[in-house]
Amino acid sequence: MAHSSPTPPSSSVLPIAVIGGGITGLAAAWKLTQLGHRVRLFEASPRLGGVIRSERTPEGWLIESGPNSFQENSRETADLLTQLGLASEILPTSPAAKKRFLVRRSRLHAAPMSPPGLLTTPIFTPLGKLRLLRDLFTRSFDRETDLSLATVIREHFGREFLDYAFNPFVSGVYAGDPEKLSARYSFPSLWVAEQTHGSLIRGLIAQSRDRRRRGHPKTRLLSFRDGLQTLPDTLARSLPPGSTSLSTRVETLTPPFALGAPWRVTFRHILPASVSEFPSTSVASSSDLVTENFSAVILALPAHSLAKLVFTTNDHRALTDRPLASLAEVVHPPVSSLFLGFRREQIAHPLDGFGALVPALEKRKLLGALFSSSLFPNRAPEGHVALTALAGGTRQPEIARLSTDRLLAEILPDLRQLLGITGDPIFLRHNFWPQAIPQYDLGHERFLAAMETCEHTYARLYIGGQTRNGISVPACLEAGLALADRAIR
């Protein structure tokens, strides 16, 4: 295979390589260009945005294939949306979506959102409610090592709260198992709350007050008029022409061999030429290997892609190294989502909330369902409603892998019983994610250590994203901004 002639190794004028075109890579590339640096963004798939995908059909359904919303919970995220000119496109959640429903004994109950609600909710028994309040008087726990989320929640709130509130909540966030997830890394705010206050309730309240004192905006749940994909699309359109290569697989990385030497990135275009809607992107038809020089490299890739990266010596000898190979062991359970459209009269439930989550003890095939058309306006045609049903995860991974017809047959009975649905959906879209969400399980620190060691081994290499910095959209956005800052320092 032919190699292009490398550009001169003058780091001061070379661009920065950003590998990975999800929301982290896009945010890093955007920040770098805003600060006057040249960037080359590489993405192996034919589109940007990673798991964020929105589609509006001619009939008027708006389908979110990945995340359905995100929390604006920091000044960095709020400022970014303003700088991107998206203020007029923002949609806060509808007032009708304030309730969150939990299932107990095959019935939906609104989760308590206030102390009076906690006293009256049928979700918890009187003894369970007293056990919750006992946390307020907890002073300290002497933690020498990390523990599972389930262990920490049981110690503070008791088994009933774990089983009927936290278990379904974790399924909704991670599609994971609180018995396996790390308390320290999967929900760091809980870990810090315990370390600083003993009581989780008092610690979280103190964190909220501290955020307000430091000028952080009040947390709100958002999307955009045309769906969440508006965010990566806007970032992509802001990049300079020709700075992004789609359907381009990075084959090897060659670290600097001397002080001031460049990084060398060798890549291959893996699809025929095509037309992109973004002027910043290009897809070449050549299948030859191409090598280019860069002043620094940012890796904004999922764990399984990081694990495959090959680092070579300067003369491209056959001897190769995969310093991040251990990240292949990060668990990513499969998840399927079914976007289901119904006529309004087909569903008896008022759908007056965000959605419903199902505890594992309820023994159902459904992880939960979002009331998509209640969350934001214009998600369904007039006179219709939309649900997004989720299945699989670590709880029942085999269900996520079913065909569309079989998956619908498995979960529709649960939806009929819980929501009072009659008839079949008049619209359906199945999205399957074979490796959906990285699990921050016990022992996650070894993966963090592998990434830190790799950065220390190779100068001007920066790693971030979902496996390292958090799984939420804001966490990935802020990881990208931070990577850009580190690269130019």
Protein backbone atom coordinates (compact mmCIF):
# COMPACT_ATOMS: atom_id res chain seq x y z
CA MET A 1 0.00 0.00 0.00
CA ALA A 2 1.23 3.47 -0.85
CA HIS A 3 2.04 6.08 1.76
CA SER A 4 1.78 9.79 1.09
CA SER A 5 4.85 11.88 1.69
CA PRO A 6 4.82 13.18 5.26
CA THR A 7 4.62 16.91 5.80
CA PRO A 8 7.58 18.66 7.44
CA PRO A 9 7.78 18.03 11.21
CA SER A 10 7.19 21.59 12.31
CA SER A 11 4.84 21.17 15.28
CA SER A 12 4.12 24.89 15.48
CA VAL A 13 2.19 24.87 12.20
CA LEU A 14 0.80 21.35 12.22
CA PRO A 15 -2.89 20.67 12.94
CA ILE A 16 -4.15 18.69 15.91
CA ALA A 17 -5.70 15.29 15.16
CA VAL A 18 -9.02 14.51 16.83
CA ILE A 19 -9.91 10.84 16.43
CA GLY A 20 -13.59 10.13 16.99
CA GLY A 21 -16.54 12.14 15.69
CA GLY A 22 -18.98 11.66 18.54
CA ILE A 23 -20.05 14.51 20.76
CA THR A 24 -16.71 14.56 22.66
CA GLY A 25 -14.59 14.74 19.50
CA LEU A 26 -16.86 17.37 17.96
CA ALA A 27 -16.70 19.54 21.08
CA ALA A 28 -12.90 19.25 21.18
CA ALA A 29 -12.56 20.12 17.47
CA TRP A 30 -14.96 23.06 17.83
CA LYS A 31 -13.09 24.49 20.82
CA LEU A 32 -9.73 24.16 19.10
CA THR A 33 -10.93 25.97 15.99
CA GLN A 34 -12.49 28.70 18.13
CA LEU A 35 -9.05 29.24 19.65
CA GLY A 36 -7.41 29.52 16.25
CA HIS A 37 -5.90 26.04 15.92
CA ARG A 38 -6.08 23.86 12.83
CA VAL A 39 -7.86 20.55 13.34
CA ARG A 40 -8.33 17.28 11.47
CA LEU A 41 -11.26 15.19 12.74
CA PHE A 42 -11.33 11.48 11.83
CA GLU A 43 -14.53 9.42 12.06
CA ALA A 44 -14.77 5.77 11.03
CA SER A 45 -18.53 5.80 10.38
CA PRO A 46 -20.24 7.73 7.56
CA ARG A 47 -21.83 10.22 9.98
CA LEU A 48 -20.96 12.45 12.92
CA GLY A 49 -22.61 12.57 16.32
CA GLY A 50 -22.09 9.05 17.63
CA VAL A 51 -25.20 7.64 19.31
CA ILE A 52 -27.11 10.93 19.00
CA ARG A 53 -29.51 10.50 16.08
CA SER A 54 -32.80 12.28 15.41
CA GLU A 55 -35.20 11.69 12.54
CA ARG A 56 -38.46 13.42 11.64
CA THR A 57 -40.69 11.39 9.36
CA PRO A 58 -43.05 12.86 6.73
CA GLU A 59 -45.98 11.79 8.94
CA GLY A 60 -44.73 13.97 11.80
CA TRP A 61 -43.03 11.50 14.18
CA LEU A 62 -39.73 12.66 15.68
CA ILE A 63 -37.59 9.65 16.58
CA GLU A 64 -34.58 9.76 18.89
CA SER A 65 -32.47 6.66 18.29
CA GLY A 66 -30.12 7.35 21.19
CA PRO A 67 -30.48 9.87 24.05
CA ASN A 68 -33.84 11.65 24.18
CA SER A 69 -32.76 14.66 26.25
CA PHE A 70 -29.88 16.04 28.28
CA GLN A 71 -29.39 18.03 31.45
CA GLU A 72 -28.07 21.55 31.24
CA ASN A 73 -26.45 21.44 34.65
CA SER A 74 -23.26 23.47 34.35
CA ARG A 75 -22.09 26.88 33.23
CA GLU A 76 -19.85 25.24 30.58
CA THR A 77 -22.80 23.54 28.88
CA ALA A 78 -25.00 26.63 29.07
CA ASP A 79 -22.26 28.84 27.64
CA LEU A 80 -21.58 26.39 24.81
CA LEU A 81 -25.23 26.38 23.73
CA THR A 82 -25.20 30.17 23.72
CA GLN A 83 -21.98 30.37 21.70
CA LEU A 84 -23.41 27.93 19.15
CA GLY A 85 -26.45 30.17 18.69
CA LEU A 86 -28.87 27.47 19.85
CA ALA A 87 -30.79 29.48 22.43
CA SER A 88 -33.80 29.87 20.13
CA GLU A 89 -33.81 26.14 19.32
CA ILE A 90 -33.86 24.91 22.92
CA LEU A 91 -36.93 23.11 24.19
CA PRO A 92 -37.28 22.57 27.95
CA THR A 93 -39.36 19.59 29.00
CA SER A 94 -43.09 20.11 29.03
CA PRO A 95 -44.72 20.91 32.40
CA ALA A 96 -46.76 17.74 31.82
CA ALA A 97 -43.58 15.66 32.08
CA LYS A 98 -42.66 16.42 35.68
CA LYS A 99 -43.83 13.10 37.10
CA ARG A 100 -41.63 10.02 37.10
CA PHE A 101 -43.42 6.71 37.42
CA LEU A 102 -42.21 3.52 39.09
CA VAL A 103 -43.81 0.10 38.92
CA ARG A 104 -44.76 -1.83 42.03
CA ARG A 105 -47.11 -4.80 42.09
CA SER A 106 -47.84 -4.32 38.39
CA ARG A 107 -49.11 -0.75 38.81
CA LEU A 108 -47.61 2.62 37.94
CA HIS A 109 -47.07 5.00 40.84
CA ALA A 110 -45.72 8.55 40.67
CA ALA A 111 -42.32 8.67 42.35
CA PRO A 112 -42.27 11.03 45.36
CA MET A 113 -40.59 14.33 44.45
CA SER A 114 -40.95 16.06 47.85
CA PRO A 115 -41.06 15.15 51.58
CA PRO A 116 -44.91 15.19 51.65
CA GLY A 117 -44.92 12.95 48.61
CA LEU A 118 -42.59 10.53 50.36
CA LEU A 119 -44.99 10.26 53.31
CA THR A 120 -47.98 9.40 51.12
CA THR A 121 -46.48 7.31 48.31
CA PRO A 122 -47.60 3.66 48.10
CA ILE A 123 -44.24 2.70 46.56
CA PHE A 124 -42.63 2.27 50.00
CA THR A 125 -43.96 0.67 53.17
CA PRO A 126 -44.08 2.67 56.43
CA LEU A 127 -40.97 0.82 57.61
CA GLY A 128 -39.22 1.60 54.31
CA LYS A 129 -40.04 5.29 54.69
CA LEU A 130 -38.60 5.37 58.22
CA ARG A 131 -35.47 3.64 56.94
CA LEU A 132 -35.06 6.38 54.30
CA LEU A 133 -35.27 9.14 56.90
CA ARG A 134 -32.64 7.45 59.07
CA ASP A 135 -30.01 8.50 56.53
CA LEU A 136 -30.36 12.10 57.71
CA PHE A 137 -28.71 11.10 60.99
CA THR A 138 -25.85 9.15 59.43
CA ARG A 139 -22.53 10.69 60.40
CA SER A 140 -19.76 8.86 58.58
CA PHE A 141 -18.65 5.67 56.88
CA ASP A 142 -15.03 4.58 56.92
CA ARG A 143 -14.49 3.51 53.31
CA GLU A 144 -11.08 2.10 52.56
CA THR A 145 -12.05 0.61 49.20
CA ASP A 146 -14.66 1.10 46.52
CA LEU A 147 -18.00 -0.68 46.95
CA SER A 148 -20.91 -1.54 44.72
CA LEU A 149 -23.70 0.99 44.37
CA ALA A 150 -26.11 -1.56 45.81
CA THR A 151 -24.04 -1.94 48.98
CA VAL A 152 -23.89 1.81 49.58
CA ILE A 153 -27.59 2.37 48.91
CA ARG A 154 -28.61 -0.55 51.15
CA GLU A 155 -26.49 0.80 54.00
CA HIS A 156 -28.02 4.27 53.74
CA PHE A 157 -31.62 3.64 52.70
CA GLY A 158 -32.39 -0.05 53.10
CA ARG A 159 -33.25 -2.84 50.67
CA GLU A 160 -36.74 -1.59 49.76
CA PHE A 161 -35.44 1.70 48.36
CA LEU A 162 -32.70 -0.15 46.49
CA ASP A 163 -35.14 -2.61 44.94
CA TYR A 164 -38.01 -0.30 44.02
CA ALA A 165 -36.32 3.05 43.36
CA PHE A 166 -32.58 2.81 42.78
CA ASN A 167 -32.56 -0.43 40.80
CA PRO A 168 -34.91 0.93 38.11
CA PHE A 169 -33.15 4.31 38.17
CA VAL A 170 -29.81 2.62 37.41
CA SER A 171 -31.48 0.67 34.60
CA GLY A 172 -32.69 3.95 33.15
CA VAL A 173 -29.25 5.59 33.30
CA TYR A 174 -26.76 2.77 32.68
CA ALA A 175 -28.99 -0.16 31.66
CA GLY A 176 -26.83 -1.71 34.36
CA ASP A 177 -26.82 -3.62 37.64
CA PRO A 178 -26.26 -1.72 40.91
CA GLU A 179 -24.73 -4.88 42.41
CA LYS A 180 -21.89 -4.60 39.87
CA LEU A 181 -21.54 -0.86 39.33
CA SER A 182 -18.87 1.04 41.25
CA ALA A 183 -20.22 3.52 43.78
CA ARG A 184 -17.13 5.68 43.41
CA TYR A 185 -17.09 5.97 39.63
CA SER A 186 -20.64 5.42 38.36
CA PHE A 187 -22.23 8.03 40.66
CA PRO A 188 -19.32 10.12 41.96
CA SER A 189 -21.64 12.74 43.47
CA LEU A 190 -23.02 10.10 45.85
CA TRP A 191 -19.51 8.99 46.79
CA VAL A 192 -18.43 12.57 47.53
CA ALA A 193 -21.65 13.26 49.46
CA GLU A 194 -20.94 10.33 51.76
CA GLN A 195 -17.27 11.23 52.19
CA THR A 196 -18.07 14.83 53.14
CA HIS A 197 -21.31 14.48 55.11
CA GLY A 198 -21.94 10.85 55.97
CA SER A 199 -25.60 11.28 55.05
CA LEU A 200 -26.24 11.06 51.31
CA ILE A 201 -29.27 13.33 51.59
CA ARG A 202 -27.42 16.06 53.47
CA GLY A 203 -24.40 15.71 51.21
CA LEU A 204 -26.41 16.07 47.99
CA ILE A 205 -28.27 19.08 49.37
CA ALA A 206 -24.93 20.69 50.25
CA GLN A 207 -23.61 20.01 46.74
CA SER A 208 -26.68 21.68 45.22
CA ARG A 209 -26.24 24.76 47.41
CA ASP A 210 -22.54 24.95 46.55
CA ARG A 211 -23.32 24.82 42.83
CA ARG A 212 -25.74 27.73 43.18
CA ARG A 213 -23.16 29.74 45.14
CA ARG A 214 -20.64 29.17 42.34
CA GLY A 215 -23.06 30.52 39.75
CA HIS A 216 -24.10 27.29 38.05
CA PRO A 217 -27.49 27.53 36.35
CA LYS A 218 -30.46 25.68 37.73
CA THR A 219 -30.54 22.20 36.23
CA ARG A 220 -33.05 21.79 33.43
CA LEU A 221 -33.81 18.98 31.02
CA LEU A 222 -33.56 20.01 27.38
CA SER A 223 -33.80 19.03 23.76
CA PHE A 224 -34.17 21.04 20.54
CA ARG A 225 -37.05 21.69 18.15
CA ASP A 226 -35.75 19.13 15.67
CA GLY A 227 -34.30 16.74 18.20
CA LEU A 228 -31.02 16.22 19.98
CA GLN A 229 -29.06 15.77 16.74
CA THR A 230 -29.26 19.55 16.37
CA LEU A 231 -26.33 19.77 18.78
CA PRO A 232 -23.75 17.62 16.92
CA ASP A 233 -24.98 18.97 13.58
CA THR A 234 -24.37 22.54 14.73
CA LEU A 235 -20.91 21.67 16.02
CA ALA A 236 -20.09 19.95 12.71
CA ARG A 237 -21.25 22.89 10.61
CA SER A 238 -19.03 25.23 12.61
CA LEU A 239 -15.83 23.40 11.62
CA PRO A 240 -13.71 24.75 8.76
CA PRO A 241 -14.20 23.26 5.26
CA GLY A 242 -12.25 20.07 4.68
CA SER A 243 -11.34 19.54 8.34
CA THR A 244 -13.37 16.36 8.85
CA SER A 245 -12.89 12.95 7.24
CA LEU A 246 -15.80 10.51 7.45
CA SER A 247 -15.63 6.76 6.78
CA THR A 248 -11.95 6.98 7.66
CA ARG A 249 -10.31 4.38 9.84
CA VAL A 250 -7.12 5.20 11.70
CA GLU A 251 -4.80 2.23 11.26
CA THR A 252 -1.76 3.24 13.33
CA LEU A 253 -0.42 6.03 15.48
CA THR A 254 3.31 6.77 15.54
CA PRO A 255 4.33 8.80 18.60
CA PRO A 256 7.01 11.51 18.39
CA PHE A 257 10.45 9.88 18.16
CA ALA A 258 12.32 12.97 19.36
CA LEU A 259 11.68 16.23 21.15
CA GLY A 260 9.66 18.49 18.86
CA ALA A 261 8.89 15.70 16.38
CA PRO A 262 5.30 15.30 15.17
CA TRP A 263 2.76 12.58 15.71
CA ARG A 264 2.14 10.52 12.57
CA VAL A 265 -1.39 9.25 11.94
CA THR A 266 -1.84 6.57 9.29
CA PHE A 267 -5.39 6.08 8.06
CA ARG A 268 -7.47 4.50 5.34
CA HIS A 269 -10.73 5.58 3.70
CA ILE A 270 -13.08 2.63 4.02
CA LEU A 271 -16.11 3.61 1.93
CA PRO A 272 -16.63 4.91 -1.61
CA ALA A 273 -16.84 8.64 -2.10
CA SER A 274 -20.11 10.22 -1.01
CA VAL A 275 -21.62 13.65 -0.48
CA SER A 276 -21.91 15.04 3.05
CA GLU A 277 -24.33 17.72 4.17
CA PHE A 278 -21.51 19.46 6.05
CA PRO A 279 -18.89 21.50 4.17
CA SER A 280 -16.29 20.53 6.79
CA THR A 281 -16.50 16.85 5.84
CA SER A 282 -15.11 14.78 3.02
CA VAL A 283 -15.09 11.09 2.14
CA ALA A 284 -12.38 10.02 -0.26
CA SER A 285 -12.62 6.95 -2.49
CA SER A 286 -8.99 5.82 -2.12
CA SER A 287 -8.33 2.68 -0.08
CA ASP A 288 -4.58 3.33 0.14
CA LEU A 289 -2.93 4.07 3.45
CA VAL A 290 -2.24 7.76 4.01
CA THR A 291 0.09 9.21 6.64
CA GLU A 292 -0.10 12.78 7.93
CA ASN A 293 1.76 14.65 10.66
CA PHE A 294 0.14 16.37 13.64
CA SER A 295 1.30 18.41 16.59
CA ALA A 296 -0.88 16.46 19.05
CA VAL A 297 -3.49 13.70 19.10
CA ILE A 298 -6.83 13.68 20.90
CA LEU A 299 -8.54 10.30 21.29
CA ALA A 300 -12.31 10.64 21.73
CA LEU A 301 -13.27 7.04 21.05
CA PRO A 302 -15.37 4.37 22.80
CA ALA A 303 -13.50 1.76 24.83
CA HIS A 304 -13.59 -1.00 22.22
CA SER A 305 -12.10 1.35 19.61
CA LEU A 306 -9.40 2.57 21.98
CA ALA A 307 -8.49 -1.05 22.67
CA LYS A 308 -7.79 -1.70 18.97
CA LEU A 309 -5.50 1.30 18.40
CA VAL A 310 -2.06 0.28 17.20
CA PHE A 311 1.00 2.36 18.13
CA THR A 312 4.03 1.78 15.91
CA THR A 313 7.68 2.71 15.82
CA ASN A 314 8.82 5.56 13.61
CA ASP A 315 9.86 3.31 10.73
CA HIS A 316 6.47 1.47 10.67
CA ARG A 317 8.04 -1.86 11.51
CA ALA A 318 5.74 -4.82 11.99
CA LEU A 319 6.30 -4.64 15.74
CA THR A 320 3.12 -3.07 17.13
CA ASP A 321 1.77 -2.11 20.51
CA ARG A 322 -1.82 -1.78 21.78
CA PRO A 323 -1.33 0.10 25.05
CA LEU A 324 -5.10 0.38 25.61
CA ALA A 325 -5.93 -3.26 24.84
CA SER A 326 -7.34 -3.83 28.35
CA LEU A 327 -10.23 -1.47 27.55
CA ALA A 328 -11.75 -4.25 25.44
CA GLU A 329 -12.88 -5.67 28.80
CA VAL A 330 -15.15 -2.69 29.57
CA VAL A 331 -18.67 -4.14 29.61
CA HIS A 332 -21.17 -2.62 27.16
CA PRO A 333 -24.54 -4.41 27.42
CA PRO A 334 -26.83 -4.42 24.37
CA VAL A 335 -29.96 -2.25 24.43
CA SER A 336 -32.92 -2.10 22.05
CA SER A 337 -35.38 0.76 21.85
CA LEU A 338 -38.76 0.62 20.16
CA PHE A 339 -40.25 3.94 19.15
CA LEU A 340 -44.00 3.25 19.13
CA GLY A 341 -46.73 5.51 17.77
CA PHE A 342 -50.39 5.17 18.80
CA ARG A 343 -53.61 7.06 18.35
CA ARG A 344 -54.29 8.93 21.57
CA GLU A 345 -57.45 6.95 22.29
CA GLN A 346 -55.47 3.69 22.24
CA ILE A 347 -53.78 4.49 25.58
CA ALA A 348 -55.82 4.87 28.78
CA HIS A 349 -52.99 6.30 30.88
CA PRO A 350 -52.79 10.12 30.79
CA LEU A 351 -49.03 9.90 30.04
CA ASP A 352 -48.58 12.85 32.38
CA GLY A 353 -44.90 12.37 33.06
CA PHE A 354 -41.38 11.71 31.86
CA GLY A 355 -41.89 7.97 31.67
CA ALA A 356 -41.92 4.79 33.72
CA LEU A 357 -39.14 2.56 35.04
CA VAL A 358 -39.52 -1.10 35.97
CA PRO A 359 -37.66 -2.69 38.93
CA ALA A 360 -36.02 -6.06 38.31
CA LEU A 361 -38.20 -7.61 41.03
CA GLU A 362 -41.27 -7.01 38.85
CA LYS A 363 -39.98 -9.73 36.47
CA ARG A 364 -40.91 -7.96 33.24
CA LYS A 365 -39.29 -7.86 29.82
CA LEU A 366 -39.39 -4.06 29.81
CA LEU A 367 -36.67 -1.88 31.36
CA GLY A 368 -38.82 1.20 31.06
CA ALA A 369 -40.67 3.50 28.69
CA LEU A 370 -40.30 7.19 27.91
CA PHE A 371 -43.46 9.16 27.18
CA SER A 372 -41.76 10.80 24.22
CA SER A 373 -44.65 12.99 23.05
CA SER A 374 -45.25 14.22 26.61
CA LEU A 375 -41.61 15.20 27.08
CA PHE A 376 -41.45 17.70 24.24
CA PRO A 377 -43.99 19.12 21.75
CA ASN A 378 -44.25 18.03 18.11
CA ARG A 379 -42.94 14.50 18.67
CA ALA A 380 -46.10 12.92 17.26
CA PRO A 381 -48.78 13.91 14.72
CA GLU A 382 -51.90 15.66 15.96
CA GLY A 383 -54.14 13.26 17.86
CA HIS A 384 -51.34 10.74 18.39
CA VAL A 385 -48.82 9.88 21.11
CA ALA A 386 -45.36 8.32 21.06
CA LEU A 387 -43.57 6.02 23.48
CA THR A 388 -39.96 4.84 23.51
CA ALA A 389 -39.72 1.40 25.11
CA LEU A 390 -36.33 0.10 26.28
CA ALA A 391 -35.25 -3.52 26.70
CA GLY A 392 -32.07 -5.49 27.34
CA GLY A 393 -29.15 -4.09 29.30
CA THR A 394 -27.31 -6.22 31.83
CA ARG A 395 -30.66 -7.43 33.19
CA GLN A 396 -31.80 -9.33 30.08
CA PRO A 397 -29.27 -8.83 27.25
CA GLU A 398 -30.80 -11.61 25.15
CA ILE A 399 -34.05 -9.66 24.75
CA ALA A 400 -32.22 -6.70 23.20
CA ARG A 401 -30.97 -8.97 20.42
CA LEU A 402 -34.43 -10.16 19.30
CA SER A 403 -35.85 -9.30 15.90
CA THR A 404 -38.31 -6.42 15.74
CA ASP A 405 -41.41 -8.63 15.63
CA ARG A 406 -40.25 -10.85 18.49
CA LEU A 407 -39.17 -7.88 20.60
CA LEU A 408 -42.55 -6.20 20.17
CA ALA A 409 -44.30 -9.45 21.08
CA GLU A 410 -42.25 -9.62 24.30
CA ILE A 411 -42.73 -6.07 25.56
CA LEU A 412 -46.16 -5.05 24.25
CA PRO A 413 -47.99 -7.14 26.89
CA ASP A 414 -46.13 -5.22 29.62
CA LEU A 415 -47.10 -1.91 28.03
CA ARG A 416 -50.72 -3.01 27.64
CA GLN A 417 -51.01 -3.91 31.31
CA LEU A 418 -49.16 -0.89 32.70
CA LEU A 419 -50.55 1.82 30.39
CA GLY A 420 -53.89 0.41 29.29
CA ILE A 421 -52.99 0.09 25.60
CA THR A 422 -55.45 -1.38 23.14
CA GLY A 423 -54.60 -2.51 19.64
CA ASP A 424 -51.21 -2.46 17.96
CA PRO A 425 -48.94 0.53 17.32
CA ILE A 426 -49.61 2.33 14.06
CA PHE A 427 -45.95 3.35 13.78
CA LEU A 428 -42.82 1.47 14.87
CA ARG A 429 -39.08 2.01 14.63
CA HIS A 430 -36.55 -0.40 16.16
CA ASN A 431 -33.06 0.77 17.12
CA PHE A 432 -30.51 -1.74 18.36
CA TRP A 433 -27.24 -0.82 20.07
CA PRO A 434 -25.07 -3.94 20.44
CA GLN A 435 -22.63 -2.06 22.70
CA ALA A 436 -24.79 0.59 24.29
CA ILE A 437 -23.39 2.09 27.49
CA PRO A 438 -20.02 1.49 29.18
CA GLN A 439 -20.48 0.06 32.65
CA TYR A 440 -18.42 1.69 35.39
CA ASP A 441 -18.27 -1.60 37.25
CA LEU A 442 -16.17 -2.41 40.30
CA GLY A 443 -12.55 -2.34 39.21
CA HIS A 444 -13.12 0.51 36.74
CA GLU A 445 -10.04 2.27 38.11
CA ARG A 446 -7.80 -0.12 36.16
CA PHE A 447 -9.20 1.22 32.89
CA LEU A 448 -8.73 4.79 34.07
CA ALA A 449 -5.15 3.90 35.02
CA ALA A 450 -4.49 2.42 31.55
CA MET A 451 -5.57 5.67 29.88
CA GLU A 452 -3.53 7.78 32.29
CA THR A 453 -0.45 5.61 31.78
CA CYS A 454 -0.83 5.87 28.01
CA GLU A 455 -0.93 9.67 28.22
CA HIS A 456 2.16 9.73 30.42
CA THR A 457 4.01 7.37 28.07
CA TYR A 458 3.36 9.35 24.89
CA ALA A 459 3.84 13.10 24.80
CA ARG A 460 1.01 15.30 23.48
CA LEU A 461 -1.60 12.52 23.63
CA TYR A 462 -4.95 13.27 25.28
CA ILE A 463 -7.73 10.75 25.96
CA GLY A 464 -11.31 11.42 27.02
CA GLY A 465 -14.96 10.68 26.51
CA GLN A 466 -17.62 8.28 27.69
CA THR A 467 -15.33 5.65 29.21
CA ARG A 468 -13.32 8.15 31.23
CA ASN A 469 -15.40 11.23 31.96
CA GLY A 470 -19.00 10.09 32.37
CA ILE A 471 -21.73 8.72 30.13
CA SER A 472 -24.13 11.67 29.92
CA VAL A 473 -24.25 14.10 26.99
CA PRO A 474 -23.08 17.07 29.14
CA ALA A 475 -20.22 14.97 30.58
CA CYS A 476 -19.05 14.07 27.07
CA LEU A 477 -19.41 17.66 25.86
CA GLU A 478 -17.37 19.01 28.75
CA ALA A 479 -14.80 16.25 28.27
CA GLY A 480 -14.27 17.48 24.71
CA LEU A 481 -13.84 21.09 25.81
CA ALA A 482 -11.37 20.00 28.49
CA LEU A 483 -9.39 17.89 26.01
CA ALA A 484 -9.01 20.93 23.75
CA ASP A 485 -7.75 23.02 26.64
CA ARG A 486 -5.23 20.35 27.62
CA ALA A 487 -3.99 19.97 24.04
CA ILE A 488 -3.18 23.65 23.63
CA ARG A 489 -1.56 23.98 27.06
